[in-house]
Amino acid sequence: MPQSAVTLLERIARFAPGVPELVRYRLADLPYDLAAGVSVAAVALPVGVAYAQIAGLGPETGLYASLLPLLVYALFGTSRQLIVGPDAATCALIAASVAPLAAGDPARYVALSGALTCLAGLFCIAASFLRLGALADFLSRPILVGLMNGVSISILLGQIGKLFGFPIEAGGIVPRLLEFASRLGQTHLPTLGVGLTALAAMVLTPRLLPRLPPALVATVISAGLVAALGLDARGVAVLGALPAGLPALRPPGLPLEELPALLASAAGLALVSFSSGMLTARSFAARNRYEIDVDREFAALGAANIAAALTQGFAISGADSRTAMNDAAGGRTRVAGLFAAAAIAIVLLFLTAPLAYVPVAALGAVLVYASLSLFDYRTLYDIYRMDRVECGLAVLTMLGVVGFGAINAILLAVGLALVRFVRITARPRDEVLGKVEGIPGLHSVERHRDARTFPGLVIYRFDGPLTFFNATYFRQRALLAADAAGAGLRWFVIDAIPLSSIDVTGLYALHDVYGELAERGVRFVVAGRRAELLAWLDEHGFYKPEHDAMLYPTLRQALKTFRREVRPARAPVADD
């Protein structure tokens, strides 16, 4: 390839990482990517139709959302395996955000969901330019587990009525369960039979036909039963005719009067879509030993969401089940996603007629099965064993999703997590260090009862950054440690290694401690980060010759000097 072409590809790769890979595609990968793409489409078809119902939209929109976004992500994404498409969490967020604003108007509902998806995409792209890829870690693992578990419960409660053949209109866990119990007498037995058959097919397929997608098998079997036995004439609800053909490209309408509400929901939707997608992308990248660029991923997901909005779809994210199918089927490159999109397009063009026989109860069963697999009780239990406060955040998020909606629950959980983070950072652990017989180094005298301190010397460690919100606490705790040493204190040593950052307020706190100890005749010493601190002092014009005697490169050097200048030789202090 000419050097000019290589240079051009390198420039394009900065914005569209997939283009160079597509240009250099190896035909040896074609059979694997083709098989993986068809397998992904087999999962995406029933799941996309089912998830559209969670979002409150027509079944065809689930297929639209699985089409152009795959093409766009193949161009702009950095993961070789991630498959984007409808996701349970994003669908639940759409329904929770749009339903109150639409006020029962179907056309307005579609317009609002398209506008919400487009705004979420714009938020993602803006976040990419601001290099906010670190937001992938903003929703902590307990909050994400709580969110997914809450979505799981919401999906389950929203679909059990479809399995039994009657609607459930109440909201919340207890009201829905009470309404379900009160309507059990209205159960439509043919509908229940179809739903249970679909559930049984999904449970048995992994054991009997492990290479086939359970959702596809269940959908085909239930649709075949409806067509063969004429169950639609006996009251079993079916999807009915779906519009054939590919979606038209048109921008979504944006009701300006709802813009403030949509902006807040779009920000939450963008954060959840990105965080959920990155969990999937990172896990498969680690498994297959390659790296992803989270900032570019933000832009890729944003572009994919805008593509979904332009084709009458709805918000998408990284799809874990379809990505897992891509990996299991041997997909090697992003071309597998292109083949999946092509297979879905063929269904939309030529095979929508068979979809008319798919019973609503079977889609409800697909979603119930998905909700049960989505509920992560094992991780929740592990979090409980590690940290009960974090487990409380997970449970609070889970109940909040079901009771108050996903956006409100996320905002509450993130707010509580930030409060806890500030509390931990504002009051970090601090300790006085001493020597433990038989163990190298210096250790906390609080955690080691047999640790011995050094007469005339305090070694103090503050395990956190020294900033404006904990500077007063640092000053108080350091002076308390000095007071506890008694009148014989001669040296007070700060271990600077755990001080990951020091702002102006923190420097003033250090100066205050230095001043108060100097008045008592105690020498103030900082051990660790000597070169870094001297460079900062010199750069800002604060350097004084006496700083050389206050700053030591390591605790070991400070202890040696203390032993030489203060302690008598017959009572040495250990070097280590």
Protein backbone atom coordinates (compact mmCIF):
# COMPACT_ATOMS: atom_id res chain seq x y z
CA MET A 1 0.00 0.00 0.00
CA PRO A 2 1.43 3.45 -0.94
CA GLN A 3 2.72 5.58 1.93
CA SER A 4 0.17 8.31 1.16
CA ALA A 5 -2.67 5.79 1.54
CA VAL A 6 -1.22 4.58 4.83
CA THR A 7 -1.01 8.16 6.12
CA LEU A 8 -4.62 8.80 5.06
CA LEU A 9 -5.81 5.66 6.85
CA GLU A 10 -3.96 6.72 10.00
CA ARG A 11 -5.75 10.08 9.93
CA ILE A 12 -9.11 8.45 9.36
CA ALA A 13 -8.42 6.02 12.23
CA ARG A 14 -8.38 8.92 14.69
CA PHE A 15 -12.10 9.39 14.12
CA ALA A 16 -13.21 6.08 12.59
CA PRO A 17 -10.99 3.26 13.92
CA GLY A 18 -12.98 0.65 12.02
CA VAL A 19 -12.18 1.99 8.54
CA PRO A 20 -8.53 0.82 8.40
CA GLU A 21 -9.56 -2.61 9.69
CA LEU A 22 -12.23 -2.90 7.01
CA VAL A 23 -9.80 -1.79 4.30
CA ARG A 24 -7.24 -4.37 5.45
CA TYR A 25 -9.81 -7.12 5.99
CA ARG A 26 -8.48 -10.65 5.53
CA LEU A 27 -10.62 -13.06 3.51
CA ALA A 28 -9.48 -15.84 5.84
CA ASP A 29 -11.74 -14.34 8.52
CA LEU A 30 -14.81 -14.27 6.27
CA PRO A 31 -16.29 -17.73 7.07
CA TYR A 32 -15.99 -17.13 10.81
CA ASP A 33 -17.47 -13.64 10.69
CA LEU A 34 -20.32 -14.77 8.42
CA ALA A 35 -21.30 -17.62 10.75
CA ALA A 36 -21.05 -15.34 13.78
CA GLY A 37 -23.11 -12.61 12.08
CA VAL A 38 -25.96 -14.99 11.22
CA SER A 39 -25.88 -16.36 14.78
CA VAL A 40 -26.04 -12.84 16.23
CA ALA A 41 -29.00 -12.01 13.97
CA ALA A 42 -30.79 -15.15 15.16
CA VAL A 43 -30.57 -13.80 18.71
CA ALA A 44 -31.19 -10.16 17.81
CA LEU A 45 -34.46 -10.80 15.94
CA PRO A 46 -36.63 -12.14 18.79
CA VAL A 47 -34.84 -10.12 21.45
CA GLY A 48 -35.17 -6.87 19.48
CA VAL A 49 -38.90 -7.41 18.93
CA ALA A 50 -39.37 -8.27 22.62
CA TYR A 51 -37.33 -5.34 23.93
CA ALA A 52 -39.33 -2.94 21.77
CA GLN A 53 -42.31 -3.86 23.91
CA ILE A 54 -40.42 -2.88 27.07
CA ALA A 55 -39.72 0.50 25.46
CA GLY A 56 -43.43 0.82 24.65
CA LEU A 57 -42.85 0.89 20.87
CA GLY A 58 -43.90 -1.20 17.88
CA PRO A 59 -42.12 -4.53 17.31
CA GLU A 60 -40.54 -3.34 14.04
CA THR A 61 -38.67 -0.59 15.90
CA GLY A 62 -36.66 -3.25 17.72
CA LEU A 63 -35.40 -4.46 14.35
CA TYR A 64 -34.73 -0.91 13.15
CA ALA A 65 -32.62 -0.31 16.28
CA SER A 66 -30.61 -3.44 15.43
CA LEU A 67 -29.77 -2.35 11.90
CA LEU A 68 -28.01 0.96 11.14
CA PRO A 69 -26.44 1.25 14.63
CA LEU A 70 -24.47 -1.94 13.87
CA LEU A 71 -23.07 -0.36 10.70
CA VAL A 72 -22.17 2.87 12.46
CA TYR A 73 -20.49 1.13 15.38
CA ALA A 74 -18.43 -0.99 12.99
CA LEU A 75 -16.95 2.26 11.64
CA PHE A 76 -16.43 4.21 14.86
CA GLY A 77 -16.09 1.62 17.65
CA THR A 78 -12.82 0.24 19.00
CA SER A 79 -14.07 -3.18 20.11
CA ARG A 80 -13.70 -6.00 17.60
CA GLN A 81 -16.58 -7.97 19.10
CA LEU A 82 -19.11 -5.65 20.72
CA ILE A 83 -22.59 -5.94 19.22
CA VAL A 84 -24.82 -2.93 19.84
CA GLY A 85 -28.60 -3.06 19.93
CA PRO A 86 -31.64 -2.86 22.20
CA ASP A 87 -30.80 -3.34 25.85
CA ALA A 88 -33.10 -4.06 28.79
CA ALA A 89 -31.87 -1.15 30.91
CA THR A 90 -32.05 1.47 28.16
CA CYS A 91 -35.51 0.24 27.08
CA ALA A 92 -36.76 0.52 30.65
CA LEU A 93 -35.30 4.04 30.89
CA ILE A 94 -37.07 5.06 27.67
CA ALA A 95 -40.42 3.83 28.92
CA ALA A 96 -39.97 5.49 32.33
CA SER A 97 -38.92 8.81 30.76
CA VAL A 98 -41.30 9.06 27.81
CA ALA A 99 -44.57 7.57 29.09
CA PRO A 100 -45.38 10.44 31.52
CA LEU A 101 -44.64 13.04 28.80
CA ALA A 102 -46.58 11.31 26.01
CA ALA A 103 -49.85 11.25 28.00
CA GLY A 104 -51.16 8.25 26.05
CA ASP A 105 -50.58 9.72 22.57
CA PRO A 106 -48.83 7.02 20.44
CA ALA A 107 -47.51 9.48 17.83
CA ARG A 108 -46.14 11.75 20.55
CA TYR A 109 -44.61 8.72 22.29
CA VAL A 110 -42.68 7.77 19.14
CA ALA A 111 -41.52 11.36 18.59
CA LEU A 112 -40.36 11.74 22.19
CA SER A 113 -38.47 8.43 22.21
CA GLY A 114 -36.67 9.41 19.00
CA ALA A 115 -35.78 12.83 20.39
CA LEU A 116 -34.59 11.26 23.66
CA THR A 117 -32.39 8.80 21.76
CA CYS A 118 -30.89 11.55 19.60
CA LEU A 119 -30.16 13.76 22.63
CA ALA A 120 -28.53 10.85 24.44
CA GLY A 121 -26.31 10.30 21.39
CA LEU A 122 -25.32 13.96 21.33
CA PHE A 123 -24.46 13.80 25.04
CA CYS A 124 -22.21 10.78 24.35
CA ILE A 125 -20.38 12.55 21.52
CA ALA A 126 -19.92 15.71 23.62
CA ALA A 127 -18.58 13.57 26.48
CA SER A 128 -16.10 11.98 24.07
CA PHE A 129 -14.74 15.38 22.99
CA LEU A 130 -14.41 16.31 26.68
CA ARG A 131 -12.57 13.01 27.26
CA LEU A 132 -15.04 11.84 29.86
CA GLY A 133 -14.51 8.16 29.19
CA ALA A 134 -13.72 7.78 32.89
CA LEU A 135 -17.49 8.08 33.42
CA ALA A 136 -17.54 4.39 32.57
CA ASP A 137 -16.51 3.95 36.21
CA PHE A 138 -18.93 6.56 37.56
CA LEU A 139 -21.70 4.06 38.14
CA SER A 140 -20.07 1.75 40.68
CA ARG A 141 -20.48 -2.01 40.40
CA PRO A 142 -23.03 -2.15 43.28
CA ILE A 143 -25.14 0.56 41.61
CA LEU A 144 -25.00 -1.22 38.25
CA VAL A 145 -25.92 -4.54 39.87
CA GLY A 146 -28.81 -2.86 41.67
CA LEU A 147 -29.91 -1.17 38.43
CA MET A 148 -29.89 -4.42 36.47
CA ASN A 149 -31.65 -6.31 39.25
CA GLY A 150 -34.30 -3.59 39.45
CA VAL A 151 -34.78 -3.70 35.69
CA SER A 152 -35.05 -7.49 35.96
CA ILE A 153 -37.85 -7.24 38.53
CA SER A 154 -39.62 -4.53 36.51
CA ILE A 155 -39.50 -6.64 33.34
CA LEU A 156 -40.78 -9.70 35.18
CA LEU A 157 -43.70 -7.81 36.74
CA GLY A 158 -44.49 -6.17 33.41
CA GLN A 159 -44.63 -9.45 31.47
CA ILE A 160 -46.43 -11.94 33.72
CA GLY A 161 -49.78 -10.55 32.60
CA LYS A 162 -48.93 -11.35 28.96
CA LEU A 163 -48.17 -14.94 29.91
CA PHE A 164 -51.58 -15.33 31.54
CA GLY A 165 -53.51 -13.40 28.90
CA PHE A 166 -54.67 -10.34 30.85
CA PRO A 167 -53.27 -6.82 31.31
CA ILE A 168 -51.74 -5.52 34.55
CA GLU A 169 -51.98 -1.76 34.88
CA ALA A 170 -50.83 -1.08 38.46
CA GLY A 171 -47.34 0.27 39.21
CA GLY A 172 -44.93 -0.84 41.92
CA ILE A 173 -44.13 -4.28 43.27
CA VAL A 174 -46.95 -4.81 45.76
CA PRO A 175 -49.78 -3.22 43.69
CA ARG A 176 -48.82 -5.29 40.63
CA LEU A 177 -48.67 -8.49 42.60
CA LEU A 178 -52.05 -7.76 44.21
CA GLU A 179 -53.62 -7.00 40.82
CA PHE A 180 -52.09 -10.16 39.37
CA ALA A 181 -53.53 -12.25 42.19
CA SER A 182 -56.96 -10.65 41.81
CA ARG A 183 -57.07 -11.39 38.05
CA LEU A 184 -55.89 -14.99 38.11
CA GLY A 185 -59.45 -16.06 37.45
CA GLN A 186 -59.29 -14.28 34.08
CA THR A 187 -56.41 -16.47 32.86
CA HIS A 188 -56.66 -17.32 29.16
CA LEU A 189 -55.55 -20.96 29.09
CA PRO A 190 -54.44 -21.13 25.42
CA THR A 191 -52.29 -18.02 25.97
CA LEU A 192 -50.82 -19.50 29.15
CA GLY A 193 -50.11 -22.75 27.33
CA VAL A 194 -48.21 -20.94 24.56
CA GLY A 195 -46.24 -18.89 27.09
CA LEU A 196 -45.27 -21.92 29.17
CA THR A 197 -44.28 -23.80 26.01
CA ALA A 198 -41.98 -20.93 25.04
CA LEU A 199 -40.47 -20.87 28.53
CA ALA A 200 -39.91 -24.63 28.46
CA ALA A 201 -38.25 -24.35 25.04
CA MET A 202 -35.80 -21.74 26.34
CA VAL A 203 -34.98 -23.83 29.41
CA LEU A 204 -34.41 -27.02 27.42
CA THR A 205 -32.65 -25.60 24.34
CA PRO A 206 -29.23 -25.06 26.03
CA ARG A 207 -29.28 -28.73 27.08
CA LEU A 208 -30.69 -30.33 23.93
CA LEU A 209 -29.60 -27.88 21.20
CA PRO A 210 -26.72 -25.92 22.72
CA ARG A 211 -25.70 -24.30 19.41
CA LEU A 212 -29.09 -22.67 18.83
CA PRO A 213 -30.30 -19.43 20.46
CA PRO A 214 -33.04 -20.26 23.03
CA ALA A 215 -35.10 -17.15 22.21
CA LEU A 216 -35.16 -18.02 18.50
CA VAL A 217 -36.17 -21.65 19.16
CA ALA A 218 -38.96 -20.54 21.51
CA THR A 219 -40.24 -17.97 19.02
CA VAL A 220 -40.24 -20.41 16.09
CA ILE A 221 -41.99 -23.15 18.08
CA SER A 222 -44.68 -20.85 19.48
CA ALA A 223 -45.30 -19.19 16.11
CA GLY A 224 -45.59 -22.66 14.53
CA LEU A 225 -48.16 -23.70 17.14
CA VAL A 226 -50.23 -20.58 16.50
CA ALA A 227 -50.15 -21.10 12.72
CA ALA A 228 -50.80 -24.85 12.85
CA LEU A 229 -53.59 -24.83 15.45
CA GLY A 230 -55.17 -21.50 14.55
CA LEU A 231 -54.69 -20.24 18.10
CA ASP A 232 -54.99 -16.61 17.01
CA ALA A 233 -58.64 -17.32 16.23
CA ARG A 234 -59.06 -18.65 19.78
CA GLY A 235 -57.93 -15.40 21.37
CA VAL A 236 -54.16 -15.81 21.53
CA ALA A 237 -52.74 -12.35 20.81
CA VAL A 238 -50.11 -12.22 18.04
CA LEU A 239 -47.86 -9.51 16.65
CA GLY A 240 -49.83 -9.22 13.42
CA ALA A 241 -48.52 -7.79 10.19
CA LEU A 242 -45.23 -5.92 10.42
CA PRO A 243 -44.31 -3.28 7.85
CA ALA A 244 -41.94 -4.76 5.29
CA GLY A 245 -38.92 -2.87 4.05
CA LEU A 246 -36.06 -0.90 5.49
CA PRO A 247 -36.70 2.16 7.67
CA ALA A 248 -36.59 5.58 6.05
CA LEU A 249 -33.97 8.08 7.14
CA ARG A 250 -35.60 11.07 8.81
CA PRO A 251 -34.70 13.22 11.80
CA PRO A 252 -36.85 12.79 14.90
CA GLY A 253 -39.13 15.62 15.93
CA LEU A 254 -38.14 17.55 19.03
CA PRO A 255 -41.02 18.97 21.11
CA LEU A 256 -39.36 22.11 22.45
CA GLU A 257 -41.73 22.38 25.41
CA GLU A 258 -40.46 19.03 26.71
CA LEU A 259 -36.78 19.81 26.10
CA PRO A 260 -35.81 20.44 29.77
CA ALA A 261 -37.30 17.12 30.89
CA LEU A 262 -35.78 15.28 27.92
CA LEU A 263 -32.31 16.73 28.57
CA ALA A 264 -32.21 15.39 32.12
CA SER A 265 -33.45 11.97 31.02
CA ALA A 266 -31.07 11.91 28.04
CA ALA A 267 -28.07 12.56 30.31
CA GLY A 268 -29.04 9.62 32.51
CA LEU A 269 -29.74 7.46 29.47
CA ALA A 270 -26.33 8.29 27.96
CA LEU A 271 -24.55 7.43 31.21
CA VAL A 272 -26.37 4.12 31.64
CA SER A 273 -25.97 3.17 27.96
CA PHE A 274 -22.24 3.89 28.05
CA SER A 275 -21.56 2.28 31.44
CA SER A 276 -23.47 -0.87 30.54
CA GLY A 277 -21.84 -1.08 27.11
CA MET A 278 -18.34 -0.64 28.51
CA LEU A 279 -18.82 -3.45 31.01
CA THR A 280 -19.53 -5.77 28.10
CA ALA A 281 -16.82 -4.34 25.82
CA ARG A 282 -14.13 -4.45 28.50
CA SER A 283 -14.94 -7.98 29.61
CA PHE A 284 -14.67 -9.42 26.08
CA ALA A 285 -11.60 -7.30 25.26
CA ALA A 286 -9.86 -8.66 28.36
CA ARG A 287 -10.88 -12.20 27.46
CA ASN A 288 -9.45 -11.87 23.96
CA ARG A 289 -6.41 -9.75 24.94
CA TYR A 290 -6.90 -6.44 23.20
CA GLU A 291 -7.57 -2.89 24.36
CA ILE A 292 -10.47 -0.50 23.79
CA ASP A 293 -10.43 3.30 23.90
CA VAL A 294 -13.21 4.42 26.23
CA ASP A 295 -13.31 8.00 24.90
CA ARG A 296 -13.74 6.78 21.33
CA GLU A 297 -16.31 4.28 22.56
CA PHE A 298 -18.32 7.19 23.95
CA ALA A 299 -18.39 8.77 20.48
CA ALA A 300 -19.16 5.46 18.78
CA LEU A 301 -22.15 4.75 21.03
CA GLY A 302 -23.31 8.34 20.53
CA ALA A 303 -23.16 7.99 16.75
CA ALA A 304 -24.94 4.62 16.95
CA ASN A 305 -27.74 6.14 19.04
CA ILE A 306 -28.16 8.99 16.58
CA ALA A 307 -28.31 6.42 13.77
CA ALA A 308 -31.06 4.59 15.69
CA ALA A 309 -33.01 7.84 16.09
CA LEU A 310 -32.68 8.63 12.36
CA THR A 311 -34.15 5.23 11.44
CA GLN A 312 -37.17 5.26 13.80
CA GLY A 313 -35.38 3.08 16.33
CA PHE A 314 -34.66 3.77 19.98
CA ALA A 315 -31.68 4.00 22.33
CA ILE A 316 -29.14 1.18 22.17
CA SER A 317 -26.16 -0.01 24.16
CA GLY A 318 -23.68 -2.84 24.12
CA ALA A 319 -25.72 -6.05 24.07
CA ASP A 320 -24.16 -8.70 26.29
CA SER A 321 -26.16 -11.70 25.00
CA ARG A 322 -25.49 -10.86 21.33
CA THR A 323 -21.82 -10.08 22.02
CA ALA A 324 -21.50 -13.40 23.83
CA MET A 325 -23.06 -15.15 20.81
CA ASN A 326 -20.60 -13.38 18.50
CA ASP A 327 -17.68 -14.56 20.65
CA ALA A 328 -19.01 -18.12 21.00
CA ALA A 329 -19.70 -18.42 17.26
CA GLY A 330 -16.09 -17.50 16.47
CA GLY A 331 -16.48 -13.92 15.23
CA ARG A 332 -13.03 -12.50 14.61
CA THR A 333 -13.60 -8.92 13.50
CA ARG A 334 -16.19 -6.13 13.46
CA VAL A 335 -17.39 -7.47 10.09
CA ALA A 336 -19.50 -9.99 12.05
CA GLY A 337 -21.69 -7.04 13.09
CA LEU A 338 -22.07 -6.06 9.43
CA PHE A 339 -23.24 -9.55 8.53
CA ALA A 340 -25.70 -9.47 11.43
CA ALA A 341 -27.12 -6.18 10.13
CA ALA A 342 -27.38 -7.65 6.62
CA ALA A 343 -29.30 -10.69 7.93
CA ILE A 344 -31.74 -8.44 9.81
CA ALA A 345 -32.19 -6.32 6.68
CA ILE A 346 -33.07 -9.46 4.68
CA VAL A 347 -35.72 -10.36 7.26
CA LEU A 348 -37.19 -6.85 7.07
CA LEU A 349 -37.29 -6.98 3.28
CA PHE A 350 -38.57 -10.49 2.64
CA LEU A 351 -39.52 -12.39 5.82
CA THR A 352 -41.84 -10.17 7.87
CA ALA A 353 -44.90 -12.31 7.05
CA PRO A 354 -43.92 -15.23 9.36
CA LEU A 355 -43.37 -12.77 12.21
CA ALA A 356 -47.11 -12.01 12.15
CA TYR A 357 -47.76 -15.39 13.84
CA VAL A 358 -45.40 -14.75 16.77
CA PRO A 359 -47.61 -14.74 19.89
CA VAL A 360 -47.30 -11.88 22.37
CA ALA A 361 -47.16 -14.49 25.16
CA ALA A 362 -43.99 -15.96 23.61
CA LEU A 363 -42.34 -12.55 23.58
CA GLY A 364 -43.42 -12.15 27.20
CA ALA A 365 -41.78 -15.49 27.94
CA VAL A 366 -38.58 -14.36 26.19
CA LEU A 367 -38.50 -11.27 28.41
CA VAL A 368 -39.29 -13.25 31.58
CA TYR A 369 -36.45 -15.64 30.73
CA ALA A 370 -34.16 -12.68 30.07
CA SER A 371 -35.17 -11.01 33.32
CA LEU A 372 -34.40 -14.13 35.33
CA SER A 373 -30.94 -14.40 33.76
CA LEU A 374 -30.41 -10.66 34.27
CA PHE A 375 -30.96 -10.87 38.05
CA ASP A 376 -27.47 -11.21 39.54
CA TYR A 377 -28.03 -12.54 43.04
CA ARG A 378 -24.53 -14.03 43.31
CA THR A 379 -22.75 -10.71 42.86
CA LEU A 380 -25.23 -9.07 45.23
CA TYR A 381 -24.37 -11.68 47.86
CA ASP A 382 -20.63 -11.19 47.27
CA ILE A 383 -21.05 -7.43 47.72
CA TYR A 384 -22.96 -8.09 50.95
CA ARG A 385 -20.07 -10.14 52.29
CA MET A 386 -17.51 -7.49 51.33
CA ASP A 387 -19.29 -4.26 52.29
CA ARG A 388 -22.82 -4.03 53.67
CA VAL A 389 -23.06 -0.31 53.00
CA GLU A 390 -22.30 -0.89 49.30
CA CYS A 391 -24.84 -3.72 49.33
CA GLY A 392 -27.36 -1.27 50.76
CA LEU A 393 -26.71 1.04 47.80
CA ALA A 394 -27.35 -1.86 45.42
CA VAL A 395 -30.60 -2.83 47.14
CA LEU A 396 -31.73 0.80 47.33
CA THR A 397 -31.09 1.22 43.60
CA MET A 398 -32.92 -2.03 42.85
CA LEU A 399 -36.01 -1.07 44.84
CA GLY A 400 -35.87 2.49 43.53
CA VAL A 401 -35.96 1.29 39.91
CA VAL A 402 -39.12 -0.69 40.59
CA GLY A 403 -40.80 1.88 42.82
CA PHE A 404 -39.76 5.26 41.42
CA GLY A 405 -38.31 4.65 37.97
CA ALA A 406 -34.77 3.98 36.81
CA ILE A 407 -33.67 7.62 36.33
CA ASN A 408 -34.73 8.70 39.83
CA ALA A 409 -33.21 5.58 41.35
CA ILE A 410 -29.90 6.14 39.57
CA LEU A 411 -29.76 9.78 40.63
CA LEU A 412 -30.48 8.84 44.24
CA ALA A 413 -27.95 6.01 44.29
CA VAL A 414 -25.23 8.09 42.62
CA GLY A 415 -25.92 10.94 45.07
CA LEU A 416 -25.58 8.57 48.04
CA ALA A 417 -22.43 7.04 46.55
CA LEU A 418 -20.91 10.51 46.15
CA VAL A 419 -21.80 11.38 49.74
CA ARG A 420 -20.13 8.18 50.91
CA PHE A 421 -17.09 8.87 48.73
CA VAL A 422 -16.73 12.39 50.15
CA ARG A 423 -17.12 11.06 53.68
CA ILE A 424 -14.41 8.43 53.13
CA THR A 425 -12.09 10.93 51.46
CA ALA A 426 -12.78 13.66 53.99
CA ARG A 427 -12.05 11.29 56.88
CA PRO A 428 -9.41 8.88 55.57
CA ARG A 429 -7.70 6.38 57.83
CA ASP A 430 -4.69 7.74 59.69
CA GLU A 431 -2.20 5.86 61.82
CA VAL A 432 0.94 6.08 63.89
CA LEU A 433 3.60 3.65 62.72
CA GLY A 434 5.88 1.45 64.79
CA LYS A 435 8.15 -1.58 64.59
CA VAL A 436 6.76 -5.14 64.86
CA GLU A 437 9.23 -7.83 65.85
CA GLY A 438 9.87 -10.29 63.02
CA ILE A 439 8.02 -8.25 60.35
CA PRO A 440 10.05 -5.96 58.07
CA GLY A 441 8.97 -2.37 57.66
CA LEU A 442 6.77 -0.10 59.76
CA HIS A 443 3.20 -0.91 60.71
CA SER A 444 0.15 0.63 62.35
CA VAL A 445 0.33 0.44 66.12
CA GLU A 446 -3.47 0.29 66.22
CA ARG A 447 -3.67 -2.85 64.06
CA HIS A 448 -0.61 -4.52 65.65
CA ARG A 449 -0.87 -4.64 69.42
CA ASP A 450 2.74 -5.75 69.81
CA ALA A 451 4.07 -2.87 67.73
CA ARG A 452 6.45 -0.58 69.57
CA THR A 453 6.91 3.11 68.90
CA PHE A 454 10.18 5.02 69.19
CA PRO A 455 10.69 7.29 72.21
CA GLY A 456 10.96 10.88 71.10
CA LEU A 457 9.68 10.08 67.59
CA VAL A 458 6.22 9.91 65.96
CA ILE A 459 5.81 8.57 62.43
CA TYR A 460 2.37 9.64 61.20
CA ARG A 461 0.61 8.40 58.08
CA PHE A 462 -2.47 10.02 56.50
CA ASP A 463 -3.96 7.61 53.94
CA GLY A 464 -5.47 9.94 51.39
CA PRO A 465 -5.08 13.19 49.47
CA LEU A 466 -4.59 16.32 51.56
CA THR A 467 -7.13 18.78 50.18
CA PHE A 468 -9.54 21.53 51.19
CA PHE A 469 -12.22 19.15 52.51
CA ASN A 470 -9.97 17.23 54.91
CA ALA A 471 -7.20 19.71 55.73
CA THR A 472 -8.74 20.69 59.09
CA TYR A 473 -9.24 17.03 59.98
CA PHE A 474 -5.59 16.32 59.09
CA ARG A 475 -4.37 19.15 61.29
CA GLN A 476 -6.46 17.97 64.24
CA ARG A 477 -5.43 14.32 63.91
CA ALA A 478 -1.73 15.10 63.45
CA LEU A 479 -1.64 17.29 66.55
CA LEU A 480 -3.54 14.67 68.55
CA ALA A 481 -0.86 12.12 67.59
CA ALA A 482 1.80 14.58 68.71
CA ASP A 483 -0.03 15.20 72.00
CA ALA A 484 -0.28 11.46 72.64
CA ALA A 485 3.50 11.15 72.42
CA GLY A 486 3.92 13.35 75.49
CA ALA A 487 6.49 15.94 76.47
CA GLY A 488 9.44 13.81 75.31
CA LEU A 489 8.57 14.23 71.61
CA ARG A 490 11.52 15.51 69.53
CA TRP A 491 10.70 14.57 65.95
CA PHE A 492 7.34 14.38 64.13
CA VAL A 493 7.64 12.61 60.77
CA ILE A 494 4.91 12.70 58.09
CA ASP A 495 4.93 9.74 55.69
CA ALA A 496 4.22 11.59 52.43
CA ILE A 497 3.87 8.55 50.16
CA PRO A 498 0.10 8.07 50.79
CA LEU A 499 -0.48 11.82 50.19
CA SER A 500 -1.44 11.31 46.56
CA SER A 501 -2.15 15.03 46.08
CA ILE A 502 -1.87 18.23 48.10
CA ASP A 503 -3.76 21.40 47.23
CA VAL A 504 -3.22 24.93 48.57
CA THR A 505 -5.42 24.37 51.62
CA GLY A 506 -3.49 21.17 52.36
CA LEU A 507 -0.16 23.06 52.18
CA TYR A 508 -1.48 25.60 54.66
CA ALA A 509 -2.50 22.73 56.97
CA LEU A 510 1.04 21.32 56.78
CA HIS A 511 2.41 24.78 57.56
CA ASP A 512 0.07 25.12 60.56
CA VAL A 513 1.20 21.77 61.97
CA TYR A 514 4.81 22.77 61.40
CA GLY A 515 4.29 26.06 63.22
CA GLU A 516 2.54 24.57 66.24
CA LEU A 517 5.13 21.81 66.62
CA ALA A 518 7.97 24.33 66.26
CA GLU A 519 6.56 26.27 69.21
CA ARG A 520 6.87 23.08 71.28
CA GLY A 521 10.46 22.52 70.16
CA VAL A 522 9.52 19.55 67.96
CA ARG A 523 11.22 19.12 64.62
CA PHE A 524 8.75 18.65 61.74
CA VAL A 525 9.90 16.25 58.98
CA VAL A 526 8.32 15.06 55.73
CA ALA A 527 9.58 11.70 54.40
CA GLY A 528 8.91 10.68 50.79
CA ARG A 529 8.27 12.70 47.61
CA ARG A 530 11.27 14.92 48.44
CA ALA A 531 12.20 15.71 44.84
CA GLU A 532 8.57 16.37 43.93
CA LEU A 533 8.02 18.75 46.87
CA LEU A 534 11.32 20.60 46.36
CA ALA A 535 10.52 21.08 42.66
CA TRP A 536 7.09 22.48 43.53
CA LEU A 537 8.50 24.85 46.15
CA ASP A 538 11.16 26.08 43.75
CA GLU A 539 8.71 26.50 40.85
CA HIS A 540 6.36 28.64 42.94
CA GLY A 541 9.05 30.69 44.66
CA PHE A 542 8.58 29.25 48.15
CA TYR A 543 11.87 27.40 48.46
CA LYS A 544 14.04 28.15 51.50
CA PRO A 545 17.33 26.49 52.49
CA GLU A 546 15.77 25.07 55.66
CA HIS A 547 13.44 22.95 53.52
CA ASP A 548 16.39 20.67 52.72
CA ALA A 549 16.61 19.67 56.37
CA MET A 550 12.84 19.09 56.60
CA LEU A 551 12.43 16.87 53.53
CA TYR A 552 13.78 13.32 53.29
CA PRO A 553 13.48 10.95 50.31
CA THR A 554 12.38 7.95 52.43
CA LEU A 555 11.33 7.02 55.95
CA ARG A 556 14.50 4.98 56.21
CA GLN A 557 16.66 8.08 55.67
CA ALA A 558 14.63 10.05 58.22
CA LEU A 559 15.04 7.27 60.81
CA LYS A 560 18.79 7.10 60.23
CA THR A 561 19.13 10.83 60.80
CA PHE A 562 16.96 10.66 63.92
CA ARG A 563 19.12 7.84 65.29
CA ARG A 564 22.30 9.76 64.59
CA GLU A 565 21.19 13.16 65.91
CA VAL A 566 18.77 12.39 68.73
CA ARG A 567 18.86 8.81 69.97
CA PRO A 568 21.79 7.47 72.02
CA ALA A 569 23.74 4.70 70.32
CA ARG A 570 22.79 2.13 72.96
CA ALA A 571 19.14 2.27 71.97
CA PRO A 572 19.18 2.10 68.17
CA VAL A 573 16.15 2.48 65.96
CA ALA A 574 15.67 -0.19 63.29
CA ASP A 575 16.58 0.97 59.80
CA ASP A 576 13.79 -0.86 58.08
